[in-house]
Amino acid sequence: MIMNAVQEQPVRPEVVKSERQYMIPEVNIEETNDGYRLEADMPGVNKNGLEITLEGNELTLEGHRQDAQIKGELVHRESTAADFRRVFELAPEIDSKNIAARIDNGVLTVLLPKAEKVKPRKIAIS
């Protein structure tokens, strides 16, 4: 497997025990000929509340959701501020210099391209 989760993958987002409380975002990972596409659910997180770091072969996704501004009288609230965090160990086959990411409507998409040396190719016959 090209990517291995450093943390155990839960069935549902749960709180990771540490000095700071984090929710573990649920992810989907799809493999293509060119690489991997990772989608992480971080509802309410926007670009300003997102940090993605790569240290060695560890890819860390962190997101922060702010409390929504209430203009009227609050009757009931289930959505509150939250911090999300997930760490992945990347295999050497990932071209770490060309990783790209975007977030849209609380879904973070990270594109992890395969290095050219591991991509499938056709061999010419002479």
Protein backbone atom coordinates (compact mmCIF):
# COMPACT_ATOMS: atom_id res chain seq x y z
CA MET A 1 0.00 0.00 0.00
CA ILE A 2 1.36 3.41 -0.95
CA MET A 3 -0.12 5.25 2.04
CA ASN A 4 -0.48 3.88 5.51
CA ALA A 5 -2.49 5.64 8.19
CA VAL A 6 -0.28 6.42 11.15
CA GLN A 7 -3.33 6.63 13.40
CA GLU A 8 -5.89 3.85 13.54
CA GLN A 9 -8.78 4.55 11.21
CA PRO A 10 -12.05 4.85 13.14
CA VAL A 11 -15.47 3.87 11.87
CA ARG A 12 -16.72 7.38 12.72
CA PRO A 13 -14.82 10.58 13.54
CA GLU A 14 -13.70 10.35 17.13
CA VAL A 15 -11.64 12.50 19.41
CA VAL A 16 -7.89 11.82 19.39
CA LYS A 17 -6.49 11.95 22.92
CA SER A 18 -3.64 14.45 23.19
CA GLU A 19 -2.95 17.82 24.80
CA ARG A 20 -5.38 19.28 22.27
CA GLN A 21 -8.65 17.57 21.34
CA TYR A 22 -8.98 16.64 17.65
CA MET A 23 -11.64 14.95 15.58
CA ILE A 24 -10.34 12.39 13.09
CA PRO A 25 -11.76 13.25 9.67
CA GLU A 26 -13.15 10.39 7.61
CA VAL A 27 -11.22 9.86 4.37
CA ASN A 28 -11.62 8.15 1.03
CA ILE A 29 -8.50 7.24 -0.96
CA GLU A 30 -8.66 6.42 -4.67
CA GLU A 31 -5.76 5.10 -6.75
CA THR A 32 -5.28 6.03 -10.40
CA ASN A 33 -2.44 5.33 -12.84
CA ASP A 34 -0.95 8.73 -12.00
CA GLY A 35 -1.28 8.69 -8.23
CA TYR A 36 -3.71 8.85 -5.35
CA ARG A 37 -6.63 11.13 -4.57
CA LEU A 38 -7.39 11.55 -0.88
CA GLU A 39 -10.64 13.18 0.21
CA ALA A 40 -11.07 14.15 3.86
CA ASP A 41 -14.35 15.37 5.34
CA MET A 42 -13.81 18.50 7.45
CA PRO A 43 -17.24 20.16 7.60
CA GLY A 44 -17.10 23.90 8.22
CA VAL A 45 -13.36 24.18 7.54
CA ASN A 46 -12.24 26.70 4.93
CA LYS A 47 -8.85 27.51 3.38
CA ASN A 48 -7.94 29.90 6.22
CA GLY A 49 -8.54 27.21 8.84
CA LEU A 50 -6.52 24.53 7.06
CA GLU A 51 -2.89 23.50 7.40
CA ILE A 52 -1.18 20.70 5.49
CA THR A 53 2.41 19.81 6.33
CA LEU A 54 4.89 17.27 5.02
CA GLU A 55 7.74 16.36 7.33
CA GLY A 56 9.92 13.55 6.10
CA ASN A 57 7.38 11.04 4.84
CA GLU A 58 4.54 12.12 7.19
CA LEU A 59 1.67 14.08 5.70
CA THR A 60 -0.37 15.89 8.36
CA LEU A 61 -3.81 17.36 7.69
CA GLU A 62 -5.14 19.84 10.27
CA GLY A 63 -8.30 21.90 10.06
CA HIS A 64 -10.11 24.26 12.40
CA ARG A 65 -13.83 25.03 12.24
CA GLN A 66 -14.98 28.30 13.81
CA ASP A 67 -18.34 28.70 15.53
CA ALA A 68 -20.90 29.98 13.03
CA GLN A 69 -22.01 33.56 13.62
CA ILE A 70 -25.59 33.66 14.90
CA LYS A 71 -27.52 36.81 14.00
CA GLY A 72 -30.78 35.92 15.72
CA GLU A 73 -31.68 34.16 18.93
CA LEU A 74 -30.04 30.75 19.23
CA VAL A 75 -32.69 28.08 19.82
CA HIS A 76 -30.59 24.94 19.37
CA ARG A 77 -26.96 24.27 18.38
CA GLU A 78 -25.24 20.99 17.53
CA SER A 79 -22.37 22.32 15.41
CA THR A 80 -19.56 23.95 17.38
CA ALA A 81 -15.94 24.91 16.83
CA ALA A 82 -13.79 21.85 16.23
CA ASP A 83 -10.25 20.84 15.32
CA PHE A 84 -9.56 18.03 12.86
CA ARG A 85 -6.29 16.13 12.48
CA ARG A 86 -5.11 13.10 10.52
CA VAL A 87 -1.57 11.88 9.82
CA PHE A 88 -0.47 9.61 6.97
CA GLU A 89 2.82 7.92 6.25
CA LEU A 90 3.71 8.25 2.57
CA ALA A 91 5.65 5.57 0.75
CA PRO A 92 8.71 6.61 -1.29
CA GLU A 93 6.71 6.06 -4.50
CA ILE A 94 4.86 9.36 -3.89
CA ASP A 95 6.32 12.39 -5.68
CA SER A 96 6.22 14.63 -2.60
CA LYS A 97 7.39 17.73 -4.52
CA ASN A 98 4.19 17.76 -6.58
CA ILE A 99 1.50 17.18 -3.94
CA ALA A 100 -1.47 19.52 -4.47
CA ALA A 101 -4.55 20.27 -2.36
CA ARG A 102 -7.82 22.19 -2.41
CA ILE A 103 -10.82 22.49 -0.12
CA ASP A 104 -14.39 22.94 -1.30
CA ASN A 105 -17.49 22.90 0.95
CA GLY A 106 -15.60 21.22 3.79
CA VAL A 107 -14.13 18.45 1.63
CA LEU A 108 -10.34 18.52 1.41
CA THR A 109 -8.90 16.91 -1.72
CA VAL A 110 -5.21 16.05 -1.75
CA LEU A 111 -3.61 14.82 -4.98
CA LEU A 112 -0.59 12.59 -4.36
CA PRO A 113 1.17 11.88 -7.66
CA LYS A 114 3.25 8.76 -8.17
CA ALA A 115 6.90 9.24 -9.07
CA GLU A 116 7.57 8.69 -12.77
CA LYS A 117 9.69 5.60 -12.02
CA VAL A 118 6.68 3.69 -10.61
CA LYS A 119 4.01 4.71 -13.13
CA PRO A 120 2.91 1.99 -15.55
CA ARG A 121 4.44 2.35 -19.00
CA LYS A 122 4.51 0.47 -22.28
CA ILE A 123 7.71 -1.16 -23.43
CA ALA A 124 8.59 -0.76 -27.10
CA ILE A 125 9.29 -4.00 -28.92
CA SER A 126 12.10 -3.95 -31.45
